[in-house]
Protein backbone atom coordinates (compact mmCIF):
# COMPACT_ATOMS: atom_id res chain seq x y z
CA MET A 1 41.29 102.60 18.33
CA LYS A 2 42.68 101.64 14.94
CA ILE A 3 42.71 97.88 14.15
CA ASN A 4 45.84 96.54 12.56
CA PRO A 5 44.94 95.11 9.14
CA VAL A 6 47.32 92.16 9.60
CA VAL A 7 45.76 91.19 12.94
CA SER A 8 42.31 91.54 11.42
CA LEU A 9 43.27 89.26 8.52
CA ILE A 10 44.76 86.64 10.85
CA SER A 11 41.68 86.72 13.06
CA THR A 12 39.41 86.29 10.03
CA LEU A 13 41.45 83.32 8.81
CA LEU A 14 41.41 81.70 12.27
CA ILE A 15 37.64 82.13 12.58
CA SER A 16 37.12 80.72 9.06
CA PHE A 17 39.42 77.79 9.77
CA GLY A 18 37.53 77.05 12.98
CA ILE A 19 34.17 77.09 11.22
CA ILE A 20 35.47 74.73 8.48
CA PHE A 21 37.00 72.38 11.09
CA LEU A 22 33.80 72.18 13.08
CA GLY A 23 31.75 71.52 9.91
CA THR A 24 34.06 68.77 8.78
CA SER A 25 34.09 67.19 12.23
CA ASN A 26 30.26 67.13 12.38
CA PHE A 27 30.01 65.54 8.95
CA GLN A 28 32.49 62.82 9.88
CA PHE A 29 30.51 62.05 13.03
CA GLN A 30 27.31 61.60 11.06
CA TYR A 31 29.08 59.28 8.60
CA ASP A 32 30.49 57.18 11.41
CA LYS A 33 27.04 57.04 12.93
CA LEU A 34 25.60 55.90 9.59
CA ILE A 35 28.25 53.20 9.21
CA THR A 36 27.50 51.91 12.72
CA GLN A 37 23.78 51.78 12.00
CA ASN A 38 24.35 49.92 8.69
CA VAL A 39 26.66 47.42 10.34
CA LEU A 40 24.09 46.91 13.11
CA PHE A 41 21.33 46.45 10.56
CA GLU A 42 23.38 43.95 8.54
CA ASN A 43 24.22 42.02 11.71
CA GLN A 44 20.54 41.90 12.61
CA VAL A 45 19.66 40.60 9.13
CA SER A 46 22.46 38.03 9.35
CA ILE A 47 21.25 36.91 12.80
CA GLN A 48 17.66 36.69 11.55
CA ASN A 49 18.76 34.65 8.48
CA ASP A 50 20.83 32.36 10.68
CA SER A 51 17.86 31.97 12.98
CA GLN A 52 15.57 31.18 10.05
CA ASP A 53 18.10 28.70 8.65
CA ASN A 54 18.34 27.03 12.03
CA GLU A 55 14.56 26.87 12.27
CA SER A 56 14.34 25.43 8.76
CA THR A 57 17.02 22.88 9.51
CA SER A 58 15.28 22.02 12.75
CA LYS A 59 11.96 21.55 10.95
CA ILE A 60 13.59 19.37 8.25
CA GLN A 61 15.22 17.25 10.93
CA GLU A 62 11.91 17.01 12.72
CA ILE A 63 10.15 15.85 9.53
CA GLU A 64 12.91 13.32 8.85
CA THR A 65 12.58 12.06 12.41
CA ILE A 66 8.83 11.63 11.97
CA ASN A 67 9.34 9.76 8.68
CA GLU A 68 12.04 7.45 10.04
CA PRO A 69 10.80 3.96 11.02
CA ASN A 70 10.87 3.57 14.76
CA ILE A 71 12.21 0.11 15.58
CA GLU A 72 11.88 -0.65 19.26
CA VAL A 73 14.16 -3.47 20.32
CA SER A 74 13.17 -5.66 23.22
CA SER A 75 15.99 -6.54 25.57
CA GLU A 76 14.64 -10.08 25.73
CA TYR A 77 14.43 -10.90 22.01
CA PRO A 78 16.12 -7.99 20.19
CA GLU A 79 17.16 -9.82 17.02
CA ASN A 80 13.80 -11.50 16.51
CA GLU A 81 11.85 -8.26 16.81
CA VAL A 82 14.19 -6.38 14.46
CA ASN A 83 14.05 -9.22 11.93
CA GLN A 84 10.24 -9.25 12.11
CA LYS A 85 10.18 -5.48 11.54
CA ILE A 86 12.59 -5.75 8.59
CA GLU A 87 10.59 -8.67 7.17
CA LYS A 88 7.37 -6.65 7.46
CA ASP A 89 8.96 -3.67 5.68
CA ARG A 90 10.25 -5.96 2.95
CA GLU A 91 6.78 -7.42 2.46
CA GLU A 92 5.20 -3.95 2.21
CA GLU A 93 7.79 -2.79 -0.33
CA SER A 94 8.10 -6.00 -2.34
CA ILE A 95 6.03 -6.83 -5.40
CA LEU A 96 4.28 -10.15 -5.05
CA PRO A 97 5.12 -12.35 -8.05
CA GLU A 98 2.24 -12.52 -10.49
CA SER A 99 3.13 -16.02 -11.76
CA ASP A 100 0.76 -16.88 -14.63
CA GLY A 101 -1.95 -14.41 -13.68
CA THR A 102 -0.65 -10.93 -14.39
CA GLU A 103 -4.18 -9.47 -14.46
CA ILE A 104 -6.32 -9.51 -11.32
CA LYS A 105 -9.86 -10.48 -12.27
CA VAL A 106 -12.78 -8.99 -10.35
CA THR A 107 -14.92 -11.47 -8.42
CA SER A 108 -18.54 -10.43 -8.88
CA PHE A 109 -20.12 -12.63 -6.17
CA SER A 110 -19.39 -13.45 -2.53
CA ILE A 111 -19.37 -16.73 -0.60
CA TYR A 112 -19.86 -16.86 3.16
CA LYS A 113 -19.42 -19.78 5.54
CA THR A 114 -20.19 -20.43 9.18
CA ASN A 115 -17.37 -20.64 11.71
CA GLU A 116 -17.87 -24.40 11.91
CA GLU A 117 -17.52 -24.80 8.15
CA ILE A 118 -14.38 -22.65 8.20
CA ILE A 119 -12.86 -24.82 10.95
CA ASN A 120 -13.64 -28.00 8.99
CA SER A 121 -11.91 -26.56 5.91
CA LYS A 122 -8.56 -26.62 7.76
CA SER A 123 -8.26 -30.41 7.64
CA VAL A 124 -7.38 -32.99 4.98
CA PRO A 125 -8.22 -36.70 5.54
CA ASN A 126 -5.25 -38.79 6.73
CA VAL A 127 -2.96 -35.72 6.68
CA ASP A 128 -1.76 -33.63 9.63
CA MET A 129 -1.67 -30.17 8.06
CA SER A 130 -0.69 -28.48 11.31
CA GLN A 131 2.50 -30.55 11.45
CA GLY A 132 3.33 -29.77 7.82
CA CYS A 133 5.54 -32.90 7.39
CA LEU A 134 8.20 -31.33 9.61
CA VAL A 135 10.78 -33.69 11.12
CA GLU A 136 13.44 -33.26 13.77
CA ASN A 137 16.54 -33.94 11.68
CA PRO A 138 17.28 -32.02 8.45
CA LEU A 139 17.99 -33.82 5.20
CA ASN A 140 21.77 -34.27 4.95
CA ASP A 141 23.99 -32.72 2.29
CA ASP A 142 24.93 -35.96 0.54
CA ARG A 143 22.88 -34.72 -2.39
CA LEU A 144 21.13 -31.49 -3.35
CA TRP A 145 17.56 -32.80 -3.82
CA TYR A 146 15.46 -35.50 -2.15
CA PHE A 147 12.41 -37.29 -3.62
CA PRO A 148 9.61 -39.58 -2.39
CA ASP A 149 10.42 -43.28 -2.28
CA ASP A 150 7.24 -44.33 -4.07
CA PHE A 151 5.85 -42.92 -7.32
CA SER A 152 3.58 -44.04 -10.14
CA GLU A 153 4.17 -44.60 -13.83
CA TYR A 154 3.52 -41.57 -16.04
CA LYS A 155 -0.01 -41.56 -17.52
CA LYS A 156 -1.56 -38.96 -19.80
CA SER A 157 -4.95 -39.36 -18.14
CA PHE A 158 -3.50 -37.87 -14.91
CA TYR A 159 -1.80 -34.68 -13.91
CA ASN A 160 1.69 -36.03 -13.25
CA ILE A 161 3.32 -34.27 -10.30
CA GLY A 162 6.89 -34.59 -9.00
CA ILE A 163 8.05 -33.72 -5.47
CA LYS A 164 11.52 -32.27 -4.79
CA VAL A 165 12.88 -31.25 -1.37
CA GLU A 166 16.14 -29.33 -0.96
CA SER A 167 18.80 -30.75 1.35
CA GLY A 168 19.11 -29.10 4.74
CA LEU A 169 15.33 -28.78 5.21
CA ASN A 170 13.51 -30.48 8.08
CA LEU A 171 10.90 -32.05 5.80
CA ASP A 172 9.90 -35.63 4.99
CA PRO A 173 9.51 -36.11 1.18
CA ASN A 174 7.22 -39.14 1.59
CA CYS A 175 4.92 -37.22 3.91
CA LEU A 176 4.85 -34.27 1.48
CA SER A 177 3.91 -36.62 -1.36
CA ASN A 178 0.85 -37.85 0.58
CA MET A 179 -0.01 -34.32 1.63
CA VAL A 180 0.11 -32.81 -1.87
CA ILE A 181 -1.97 -35.64 -3.38
CA GLY A 182 -4.39 -35.43 -0.44
CA ILE A 183 -4.96 -31.70 -1.10
CA LEU A 184 -5.16 -31.80 -4.90
CA ASN A 185 -7.38 -34.91 -5.11
CA ASP A 186 -9.67 -33.83 -2.27
CA PRO A 187 -13.35 -33.41 -3.35
CA ARG A 188 -12.92 -29.70 -2.48
CA GLY A 189 -9.74 -29.48 -4.59
CA TRP A 190 -8.72 -29.04 -8.23
CA SER A 191 -9.28 -32.62 -9.37
CA THR A 192 -13.07 -32.31 -9.20
CA ILE A 193 -12.94 -28.94 -10.98
CA GLU A 194 -10.65 -30.13 -13.76
CA ASN A 195 -12.20 -33.63 -13.89
CA GLN A 196 -8.73 -35.12 -13.78
CA SER A 197 -6.81 -36.64 -10.86
CA PHE A 198 -3.24 -36.00 -9.78
CA GLN A 199 -0.55 -38.60 -9.17
CA ILE A 200 3.08 -38.53 -8.03
CA VAL A 201 5.66 -39.58 -10.63
CA ASN A 202 9.43 -39.40 -11.05
CA SER A 203 10.39 -35.71 -11.12
CA GLU A 204 12.27 -36.13 -14.42
CA ASN A 205 9.06 -37.18 -16.16
CA ALA A 206 6.67 -34.86 -14.32
CA ASP A 207 4.41 -32.31 -15.99
CA LEU A 208 4.92 -30.15 -12.92
CA ASN A 209 7.36 -30.34 -10.01
CA ILE A 210 6.39 -29.05 -6.57
CA VAL A 211 9.69 -27.92 -5.08
CA PHE A 212 10.25 -27.17 -1.39
CA ALA A 213 13.32 -24.95 -1.06
CA LYS A 214 15.22 -22.42 1.03
CA PRO A 215 14.45 -18.71 0.42
CA GLU A 216 17.65 -18.01 -1.54
CA THR A 217 17.04 -21.05 -3.75
CA VAL A 218 13.44 -19.95 -4.32
CA ASP A 219 14.70 -16.57 -5.59
CA GLU A 220 16.93 -18.37 -8.11
CA LEU A 221 14.27 -20.82 -9.30
CA CYS A 222 11.58 -18.15 -9.58
CA TYR A 223 13.70 -15.58 -11.45
CA PRO A 224 12.76 -13.30 -13.23
CA LEU A 225 9.80 -13.26 -10.84
CA GLN A 226 10.83 -11.23 -7.79
CA THR A 227 10.18 -13.39 -4.72
CA ASN A 228 12.58 -11.39 -2.50
CA GLY A 229 13.25 -14.30 -0.15
CA ILE A 230 9.71 -14.26 1.24
CA TYR A 231 7.30 -15.46 -1.47
CA SER A 232 6.60 -18.67 -3.38
CA CYS A 233 5.89 -18.90 -7.10
CA ARG A 234 4.98 -20.98 -10.13
CA ASN A 235 7.63 -20.64 -12.83
CA GLU A 236 7.16 -22.77 -15.96
CA LYS A 237 7.09 -26.43 -14.83
CA ASN A 238 8.02 -25.68 -11.21
CA VAL A 239 5.79 -24.73 -8.29
CA VAL A 240 8.36 -23.46 -5.81
CA ILE A 241 7.32 -23.40 -2.14
CA ASN A 242 9.33 -21.09 0.09
CA MET A 243 10.32 -22.82 3.35
CA PHE A 244 10.06 -19.45 5.09
CA ARG A 245 6.35 -19.33 4.23
CA TRP A 246 5.79 -22.98 5.02
CA LEU A 247 6.98 -22.33 8.58
CA SER A 248 5.63 -18.83 9.23
CA GLY A 249 2.44 -18.55 7.15
CA ALA A 250 1.13 -15.06 6.40
CA GLN A 251 -0.07 -12.16 8.51
CA ASP A 252 -3.81 -12.42 7.81
CA PHE A 253 -3.80 -16.17 8.60
CA GLY A 254 -2.48 -15.58 12.12
CA THR A 255 -1.44 -18.91 13.66
CA ASP A 256 -3.56 -20.97 11.26
CA LEU A 257 -0.77 -22.72 9.35
CA SER A 258 -3.08 -25.55 8.24
CA THR A 259 -5.27 -23.29 6.10
CA TYR A 260 -2.24 -21.40 4.82
CA ARG A 261 -0.46 -24.56 3.66
CA ILE A 262 -3.59 -25.80 1.87
CA TYR A 263 -3.91 -22.38 0.26
CA LEU A 264 -0.24 -22.29 -0.81
CA ILE A 265 -0.43 -25.63 -2.64
CA ASN A 266 -3.80 -24.93 -4.27
CA HIS A 267 -2.90 -21.36 -5.25
CA GLU A 268 0.36 -22.18 -7.02
CA VAL A 269 -1.01 -25.31 -8.72
CA GLY A 270 -3.98 -23.15 -9.80
CA HIS A 271 -1.53 -21.05 -11.83
CA TYR A 272 -0.24 -24.21 -13.52
CA LEU A 273 -3.86 -25.06 -14.41
CA GLY A 274 -4.27 -21.65 -16.04
CA TRP A 275 -6.05 -19.65 -13.34
CA GLY A 276 -5.09 -16.01 -12.84
CA HIS A 277 -5.30 -13.84 -9.75
CA SER A 278 -8.57 -12.57 -8.29
CA ASP A 279 -9.63 -10.10 -5.62
CA CYS A 280 -11.69 -9.98 -2.40
CA PRO A 281 -15.35 -9.64 -3.42
CA SER A 282 -16.64 -8.16 -0.12
CA ASP A 283 -15.81 -7.79 3.55
CA LYS A 284 -16.06 -11.00 5.64
CA ALA A 285 -16.59 -13.16 2.54
CA LEU A 286 -14.30 -16.12 1.90
CA ALA A 287 -11.17 -15.14 0.02
CA PRO A 288 -10.83 -16.79 -3.44
CA VAL A 289 -7.92 -19.25 -3.46
CA MET A 290 -6.42 -17.38 -6.44
CA MET A 291 -6.33 -14.15 -4.45
CA GLN A 292 -2.83 -13.12 -3.32
CA GLN A 293 -3.56 -14.01 0.29
CA SER A 294 0.12 -14.12 1.24
CA LYS A 295 0.10 -10.37 0.71
CA SER A 296 -3.32 -9.54 2.21
CA THR A 297 -6.90 -10.83 2.29
CA ASN A 298 -8.23 -7.23 2.23
CA GLY A 299 -11.05 -7.96 4.69
CA CYS A 300 -11.91 -11.42 3.35
CA VAL A 301 -11.66 -14.57 5.47
CA PRO A 302 -8.57 -16.69 4.64
CA ASN A 303 -9.47 -19.74 2.53
CA GLY A 304 -7.43 -22.54 0.99
CA TRP A 305 -9.90 -24.21 -1.38
CA PRO A 306 -10.91 -23.31 -4.99
CA ILE A 307 -14.56 -22.67 -4.15
CA TYR A 308 -15.03 -19.59 -6.33
CA GLU A 309 -13.24 -21.24 -9.23
CA ARG A 310 -15.66 -24.17 -9.07
CA ILE A 311 -18.68 -21.85 -9.32
CA LYS A 312 -17.09 -19.74 -12.06
CA LEU A 313 -16.47 -22.90 -14.07
CA LEU A 314 -20.09 -24.01 -13.61
CA TYR A 315 -21.41 -20.61 -14.76
CA SER A 316 -19.07 -20.47 -17.78
CA SER A 317 -20.09 -23.98 -18.93
CA SER A 318 -23.84 -23.46 -18.53
């Protein structure tokens, strides 16, 4: 049988077209498959990155949560507990004013006392240190400052001290006058170290004024020293006692306000007399009075009297 050339040509073209169509179709299928795989891979990478970002964010948040201060508020006294926490944080972050002693001198010897001797060191004859000259009614606002009723005439043979009390404070200026003189002229105090007694005079003529003031006033009077509302200072001819400290004491003193008040007066007047800061010589030893005990006693026993300074003076003069 003879094959028609035209039919043969058409058949050849149809077969060729079919082969080309099938080849093109297979190639397109593979490309689509490749695209799907790439998209799937990119989605997986994106999901993994998102997961890692979430984990990183979660870890950062967890670290921030750990570093955040946890203030637990009691339902009974919420404001007091928060204020105590804030006050503690402020104390830890604040720089204690250096007053006249910018360099802390190392104490090379230690002094120890029995519990009985420590208890006896809390008292001053004829002065109730635990009461701290507190009175029921605050000083009225008729004037800004109050002074003792009685004072002596200025004499060069004495350290002439003035007493000033800010209005609005529950303090008796006459009581404070007796208290300050009782501390400074005590045989354990500065008068026997300096061989010169202290007396109360009119504040205008005083060599040094001991000022009892509110925290915000203390910050103003102590500037540029940074008292931050919680510290006292000696600034030029003023020893400025922070009422906050007078009432609350310091952490390492616990409830022993008597020792703290003796310390506060002797420490700041010590700066006026030229004594710089010192450190804790050893654990359980008495703290030197010129140590920054309002900040910490660093393992020493709180002490309000210039015992170390007396011995240092004896050694330096021998």
